[in-house]
């Protein structure tokens, strides 16, 4: 990979309009491994600004994923390590890589975006989650129960993430949803 700045995001392939009018599949098809490595290589690997504890993109992320870290691993083709790093902070990378308003959050804070298009952070996150799923997602071992019960109100991405984090700590979690189906903003 060269050190030359690539001003635009690498294109995301999409379903042909003639096909997509006949189905309900996603329009964006996702990127291939080589393209996603090139997109990740666009990252400037920024350090925290003076007086800040994290780089701008991480500060823009509500769960403070180590974005420069997972982009660096992705650039090197170390996809398994990259998705593991994301999942330290985000239980739902496949969802967030699709519906998170990254243009207002991590990508909106991307330093490269001040002069050019920001790094396609959401595209890379989506690719990594899809890559992991295609290879057979491994369920982590169940922790020892704490004996504590926790109720989570709402089954959207925030509620599901909270429930997953609590379950990882060994708490018994029950999710309550006011609507007829789970999913929150995903419905």
C-alpha atoms as a PDB file:
ATOM      1  CA  UNK A   1       0.000   0.000   0.000  1.00  0.00           C
ATOM      2  CA  UNK A   2       1.336   3.429  -0.865  1.00  0.00           C
ATOM      3  CA  UNK A   3       1.311   6.513   1.340  1.00  0.00           C
ATOM      4  CA  UNK A   4      -0.516   8.516  -1.344  1.00  0.00           C
ATOM      5  CA  UNK A   5      -3.832  10.008  -0.200  1.00  0.00           C
ATOM      6  CA  UNK A   6      -6.828   8.603  -2.039  1.00  0.00           C
ATOM      7  CA  UNK A   7      -9.394  11.445  -2.008  1.00  0.00           C
ATOM      8  CA  UNK A   8     -12.559   9.401  -2.654  1.00  0.00           C
ATOM      9  CA  UNK A   9     -14.051   6.316  -1.049  1.00  0.00           C
ATOM     10  CA  UNK A  10     -13.737   3.139  -3.067  1.00  0.00           C
ATOM     11  CA  UNK A  11     -17.094   2.423  -4.736  1.00  0.00           C
ATOM     12  CA  UNK A  12     -19.626   0.116  -3.116  1.00  0.00           C
ATOM     13  CA  UNK A  13     -21.130  -2.259  -5.700  1.00  0.00           C
ATOM     14  CA  UNK A  14     -24.932  -2.200  -5.848  1.00  0.00           C
ATOM     15  CA  UNK A  15     -27.662  -4.421  -7.213  1.00  0.00           C
ATOM     16  CA  UNK A  16     -28.684  -3.545 -10.740  1.00  0.00           C
ATOM     17  CA  UNK A  17     -31.937  -1.510 -10.646  1.00  0.00           C
ATOM     18  CA  UNK A  18     -33.576  -4.029 -13.002  1.00  0.00           C
ATOM     19  CA  UNK A  19     -32.920  -6.766 -10.450  1.00  0.00           C
ATOM     20  CA  UNK A  20     -33.640  -4.880  -7.255  1.00  0.00           C
ATOM     21  CA  UNK A  21     -37.177  -3.942  -8.292  1.00  0.00           C
ATOM     22  CA  UNK A  22     -37.910  -7.683  -8.151  1.00  0.00           C
ATOM     23  CA  UNK A  23     -36.598  -8.406  -4.645  1.00  0.00           C
ATOM     24  CA  UNK A  24     -36.170  -7.125  -1.109  1.00  0.00           C
ATOM     25  CA  UNK A  25     -32.435  -7.803  -0.773  1.00  0.00           C
ATOM     26  CA  UNK A  26     -30.036  -5.062   0.189  1.00  0.00           C
ATOM     27  CA  UNK A  27     -29.132  -2.652  -2.584  1.00  0.00           C
ATOM     28  CA  UNK A  28     -25.459  -2.244  -1.576  1.00  0.00           C
ATOM     29  CA  UNK A  29     -23.684  -5.564  -2.115  1.00  0.00           C
ATOM     30  CA  UNK A  30     -20.656  -4.926   0.081  1.00  0.00           C
ATOM     31  CA  UNK A  31     -17.020  -4.721  -0.874  1.00  0.00           C
ATOM     32  CA  UNK A  32     -14.546  -7.482  -1.704  1.00  0.00           C
ATOM     33  CA  UNK A  33     -11.466  -8.150   0.487  1.00  0.00           C
ATOM     34  CA  UNK A  34      -9.003  -6.287  -1.743  1.00  0.00           C
ATOM     35  CA  UNK A  35     -11.200  -3.192  -2.023  1.00  0.00           C
ATOM     36  CA  UNK A  36     -11.875  -3.123   1.711  1.00  0.00           C
ATOM     37  CA  UNK A  37      -8.115  -3.297   2.404  1.00  0.00           C
ATOM     38  CA  UNK A  38      -7.616  -0.315   0.084  1.00  0.00           C
ATOM     39  CA  UNK A  39     -10.424   1.595   1.840  1.00  0.00           C
ATOM     40  CA  UNK A  40      -8.894   0.845   5.237  1.00  0.00           C
ATOM     41  CA  UNK A  41      -5.511   2.033   3.940  1.00  0.00           C
ATOM     42  CA  UNK A  42      -7.022   5.498   3.352  1.00  0.00           C
ATOM     43  CA  UNK A  43      -7.006   6.000   7.147  1.00  0.00           C
ATOM     44  CA  UNK A  44      -4.416   8.548   8.268  1.00  0.00           C
ATOM     45  CA  UNK A  45      -3.997   6.759  11.629  1.00  0.00           C
ATOM     46  CA  UNK A  46      -4.626   9.997  13.511  1.00  0.00           C
ATOM     47  CA  UNK A  47      -3.546  10.392  17.104  1.00  0.00           C
ATOM     48  CA  UNK A  48      -5.616  12.188  19.745  1.00  0.00           C
ATOM     49  CA  UNK A  49      -5.647  15.969  19.394  1.00  0.00           C
ATOM     50  CA  UNK A  50      -4.011  17.954  22.181  1.00  0.00           C
ATOM     51  CA  UNK A  51      -6.117  17.650  25.315  1.00  0.00           C
ATOM     52  CA  UNK A  52      -8.123  14.694  23.931  1.00  0.00           C
ATOM     53  CA  UNK A  53      -7.739  11.042  24.910  1.00  0.00           C
ATOM     54  CA  UNK A  54      -8.819   9.435  21.613  1.00  0.00           C
ATOM     55  CA  UNK A  55      -8.558  10.274  17.875  1.00  0.00           C
ATOM     56  CA  UNK A  56     -11.430  12.273  16.298  1.00  0.00           C
ATOM     57  CA  UNK A  57     -13.113   9.256  14.661  1.00  0.00           C
ATOM     58  CA  UNK A  58     -13.167   7.356  17.969  1.00  0.00           C
ATOM     59  CA  UNK A  59     -14.532  10.429  19.737  1.00  0.00           C
ATOM     60  CA  UNK A  60     -17.326  10.501  17.134  1.00  0.00           C
ATOM     61  CA  UNK A  61     -18.235   6.861  17.828  1.00  0.00           C
ATOM     62  CA  UNK A  62     -20.850   6.469  20.605  1.00  0.00           C
ATOM     63  CA  UNK A  63     -19.200   3.248  21.856  1.00  0.00           C
ATOM     64  CA  UNK A  64     -15.613   4.402  21.200  1.00  0.00           C
ATOM     65  CA  UNK A  65     -14.501   1.535  18.954  1.00  0.00           C
ATOM     66  CA  UNK A  66     -10.743   1.598  18.253  1.00  0.00           C
ATOM     67  CA  UNK A  67     -11.307   2.656  14.645  1.00  0.00           C
ATOM     68  CA  UNK A  68      -7.656   3.307  13.684  1.00  0.00           C
ATOM     69  CA  UNK A  69      -6.823  -0.080  15.217  1.00  0.00           C
ATOM     70  CA  UNK A  70      -9.377  -2.107  13.278  1.00  0.00           C
ATOM     71  CA  UNK A  71      -8.627  -0.190  10.058  1.00  0.00           C
ATOM     72  CA  UNK A  72      -4.910  -0.932  10.442  1.00  0.00           C
ATOM     73  CA  UNK A  73      -5.629  -4.647  10.972  1.00  0.00           C
ATOM     74  CA  UNK A  74      -7.987  -4.642   7.979  1.00  0.00           C
ATOM     75  CA  UNK A  75      -5.394  -2.937   5.774  1.00  0.00           C
ATOM     76  CA  UNK A  76      -3.034  -5.812   6.638  1.00  0.00           C
ATOM     77  CA  UNK A  77      -5.712  -8.420   5.821  1.00  0.00           C
ATOM     78  CA  UNK A  78      -6.003  -9.457   9.475  1.00  0.00           C
ATOM     79  CA  UNK A  79      -9.794  -9.613   9.327  1.00  0.00           C
ATOM     80  CA  UNK A  80     -10.340 -11.968  12.271  1.00  0.00           C
ATOM     81  CA  UNK A  81      -8.363  -9.694  14.591  1.00  0.00           C
ATOM     82  CA  UNK A  82     -10.101  -6.605  13.183  1.00  0.00           C
ATOM     83  CA  UNK A  83     -13.622  -7.917  13.844  1.00  0.00           C
ATOM     84  CA  UNK A  84     -12.558  -9.088  17.322  1.00  0.00           C
ATOM     85  CA  UNK A  85     -11.343  -5.554  18.078  1.00  0.00           C
ATOM     86  CA  UNK A  86     -14.673  -4.080  16.941  1.00  0.00           C
ATOM     87  CA  UNK A  87     -16.621  -6.584  19.027  1.00  0.00           C
ATOM     88  CA  UNK A  88     -14.775  -5.558  22.186  1.00  0.00           C
ATOM     89  CA  UNK A  89     -17.038  -2.479  22.125  1.00  0.00           C
ATOM     90  CA  UNK A  90     -19.851  -3.295  19.679  1.00  0.00           C
ATOM     91  CA  UNK A  91     -21.979  -6.437  19.825  1.00  0.00           C
ATOM     92  CA  UNK A  92     -23.770  -5.590  16.555  1.00  0.00           C
ATOM     93  CA  UNK A  93     -21.190  -4.731  13.869  1.00  0.00           C
ATOM     94  CA  UNK A  94     -23.277  -6.114  10.988  1.00  0.00           C
ATOM     95  CA  UNK A  95     -26.155  -3.839  11.961  1.00  0.00           C
ATOM     96  CA  UNK A  96     -24.055  -0.783  12.753  1.00  0.00           C
ATOM     97  CA  UNK A  97     -22.094  -1.189   9.526  1.00  0.00           C
ATOM     98  CA  UNK A  98     -25.405  -0.808   7.710  1.00  0.00           C
ATOM     99  CA  UNK A  99     -27.674   1.551   9.664  1.00  0.00           C
ATOM    100  CA  UNK A 100     -25.458   3.513  12.049  1.00  0.00           C
ATOM    101  CA  UNK A 101     -25.428   7.214  11.086  1.00  0.00           C
ATOM    102  CA  UNK A 102     -21.644   7.031  10.661  1.00  0.00           C
ATOM    103  CA  UNK A 103     -21.683  10.038   8.326  1.00  0.00           C
ATOM    104  CA  UNK A 104     -22.629  12.111  11.403  1.00  0.00           C
ATOM    105  CA  UNK A 105     -20.498  10.167  13.872  1.00  0.00           C
ATOM    106  CA  UNK A 106     -17.151   8.460  13.161  1.00  0.00           C
ATOM    107  CA  UNK A 107     -16.964   9.370   9.466  1.00  0.00           C
ATOM    108  CA  UNK A 108     -18.224  12.872  10.226  1.00  0.00           C
ATOM    109  CA  UNK A 109     -15.267  13.305  12.584  1.00  0.00           C
ATOM    110  CA  UNK A 110     -12.704  11.718  10.224  1.00  0.00           C
ATOM    111  CA  UNK A 111      -9.747  14.061   9.694  1.00  0.00           C
ATOM    112  CA  UNK A 112      -9.385  12.971   6.060  1.00  0.00           C
ATOM    113  CA  UNK A 113     -12.968  14.182   5.543  1.00  0.00           C
ATOM    114  CA  UNK A 114     -11.932  17.773   6.218  1.00  0.00           C
ATOM    115  CA  UNK A 115     -10.439  17.967   2.718  1.00  0.00           C
ATOM    116  CA  UNK A 116     -11.540  14.769   0.950  1.00  0.00           C
ATOM    117  CA  UNK A 117     -14.171  12.074   1.421  1.00  0.00           C
ATOM    118  CA  UNK A 118     -13.841  10.455   4.854  1.00  0.00           C
ATOM    119  CA  UNK A 119     -12.700   6.866   5.205  1.00  0.00           C
ATOM    120  CA  UNK A 120     -15.642   4.491   4.603  1.00  0.00           C
ATOM    121  CA  UNK A 121     -15.570   3.225   8.195  1.00  0.00           C
ATOM    122  CA  UNK A 122     -19.107   1.827   8.048  1.00  0.00           C
ATOM    123  CA  UNK A 123     -18.307  -0.066   4.844  1.00  0.00           C
ATOM    124  CA  UNK A 124     -15.276  -1.684   6.439  1.00  0.00           C
ATOM    125  CA  UNK A 125     -17.211  -2.592   9.594  1.00  0.00           C
ATOM    126  CA  UNK A 126     -19.974  -4.137   7.486  1.00  0.00           C
ATOM    127  CA  UNK A 127     -17.458  -6.136   5.431  1.00  0.00           C
ATOM    128  CA  UNK A 128     -15.764  -7.514   8.541  1.00  0.00           C
ATOM    129  CA  UNK A 129     -19.072  -8.573  10.113  1.00  0.00           C
ATOM    130  CA  UNK A 130     -20.193 -10.239   6.875  1.00  0.00           C
ATOM    131  CA  UNK A 131     -16.771 -11.880   6.477  1.00  0.00           C
ATOM    132  CA  UNK A 132     -17.015 -13.345   9.982  1.00  0.00           C
ATOM    133  CA  UNK A 133     -20.570 -14.560   9.445  1.00  0.00           C
ATOM    134  CA  UNK A 134     -19.648 -16.265   6.155  1.00  0.00           C
ATOM    135  CA  UNK A 135     -16.933 -18.205   7.968  1.00  0.00           C
ATOM    136  CA  UNK A 136     -19.182 -19.397  10.775  1.00  0.00           C
ATOM    137  CA  UNK A 137     -19.679 -17.115  13.721  1.00  0.00           C
ATOM    138  CA  UNK A 138     -18.340 -18.578  16.947  1.00  0.00           C
ATOM    139  CA  UNK A 139     -20.485 -18.096  20.030  1.00  0.00           C
ATOM    140  CA  UNK A 140     -18.272 -17.042  22.942  1.00  0.00           C
ATOM    141  CA  UNK A 141     -18.298 -19.224  26.060  1.00  0.00           C
ATOM    142  CA  UNK A 142     -21.079 -18.470  28.506  1.00  0.00           C
ATOM    143  CA  UNK A 143     -19.811 -16.683  31.637  1.00  0.00           C
ATOM    144  CA  UNK A 144     -20.551 -17.895  35.132  1.00  0.00           C
ATOM    145  CA  UNK A 145     -23.954 -16.590  36.291  1.00  0.00           C
ATOM    146  CA  UNK A 146     -23.858 -13.688  38.736  1.00  0.00           C
ATOM    147  CA  UNK A 147     -27.350 -14.419  40.029  1.00  0.00           C
ATOM    148  CA  UNK A 148     -28.426 -10.898  39.092  1.00  0.00           C
ATOM    149  CA  UNK A 149     -31.453 -10.250  36.882  1.00  0.00           C
ATOM    150  CA  UNK A 150     -31.610  -7.204  34.622  1.00  0.00           C
ATOM    151  CA  UNK A 151     -34.497  -5.825  32.562  1.00  0.00           C
ATOM    152  CA  UNK A 152     -33.708  -3.967  29.338  1.00  0.00           C
ATOM    153  CA  UNK A 153     -36.450  -1.780  27.915  1.00  0.00           C
ATOM    154  CA  UNK A 154     -36.431  -1.632  24.120  1.00  0.00           C
ATOM    155  CA  UNK A 155     -35.184  -4.119  21.554  1.00  0.00           C
ATOM    156  CA  UNK A 156     -33.521  -1.758  19.108  1.00  0.00           C
ATOM    157  CA  UNK A 157     -29.758  -1.668  18.576  1.00  0.00           C
ATOM    158  CA  UNK A 158     -29.108   0.134  21.881  1.00  0.00           C
ATOM    159  CA  UNK A 159     -31.244  -2.288  23.907  1.00  0.00           C
ATOM    160  CA  UNK A 160     -29.760  -5.346  22.216  1.00  0.00           C
ATOM    161  CA  UNK A 161     -26.241  -4.033  22.759  1.00  0.00           C
ATOM    162  CA  UNK A 162     -26.950  -3.350  26.432  1.00  0.00           C
ATOM    163  CA  UNK A 163     -28.439  -6.838  26.816  1.00  0.00           C
ATOM    164  CA  UNK A 164     -25.416  -8.445  25.133  1.00  0.00           C
ATOM    165  CA  UNK A 165     -22.948  -6.571  27.334  1.00  0.00           C
ATOM    166  CA  UNK A 166     -24.874  -7.507  30.484  1.00  0.00           C
ATOM    167  CA  UNK A 167     -25.109 -11.152  29.405  1.00  0.00           C
ATOM    168  CA  UNK A 168     -21.325 -11.196  28.779  1.00  0.00           C
ATOM    169  CA  UNK A 169     -20.919 -10.278  32.442  1.00  0.00           C
ATOM    170  CA  UNK A 170     -23.099 -13.238  33.502  1.00  0.00           C
ATOM    171  CA  UNK A 171     -26.338 -11.420  34.310  1.00  0.00           C
ATOM    172  CA  UNK A 172     -29.724 -12.922  33.390  1.00  0.00           C
ATOM    173  CA  UNK A 173     -31.281 -10.448  30.950  1.00  0.00           C
ATOM    174  CA  UNK A 174     -34.921 -10.018  29.925  1.00  0.00           C
ATOM    175  CA  UNK A 175     -35.734  -7.617  27.086  1.00  0.00           C
ATOM    176  CA  UNK A 176     -39.081  -5.809  27.040  1.00  0.00           C
ATOM    177  CA  UNK A 177     -40.490  -4.237  23.887  1.00  0.00           C
ATOM    178  CA  UNK A 178     -43.579  -2.015  23.640  1.00  0.00           C
ATOM    179  CA  UNK A 179     -44.149  -2.676  19.955  1.00  0.00           C
ATOM    180  CA  UNK A 180     -45.575  -5.806  18.340  1.00  0.00           C
ATOM    181  CA  UNK A 181     -42.163  -6.913  17.029  1.00  0.00           C
ATOM    182  CA  UNK A 182     -38.581  -6.491  18.216  1.00  0.00           C
ATOM    183  CA  UNK A 183     -36.082  -4.332  16.373  1.00  0.00           C
ATOM    184  CA  UNK A 184     -36.584  -0.673  17.274  1.00  0.00           C
ATOM    185  CA  UNK A 185     -35.319   1.546  14.426  1.00  0.00           C
ATOM    186  CA  UNK A 186     -34.516  -1.578  12.423  1.00  0.00           C
ATOM    187  CA  UNK A 187     -38.225  -2.291  11.866  1.00  0.00           C
END
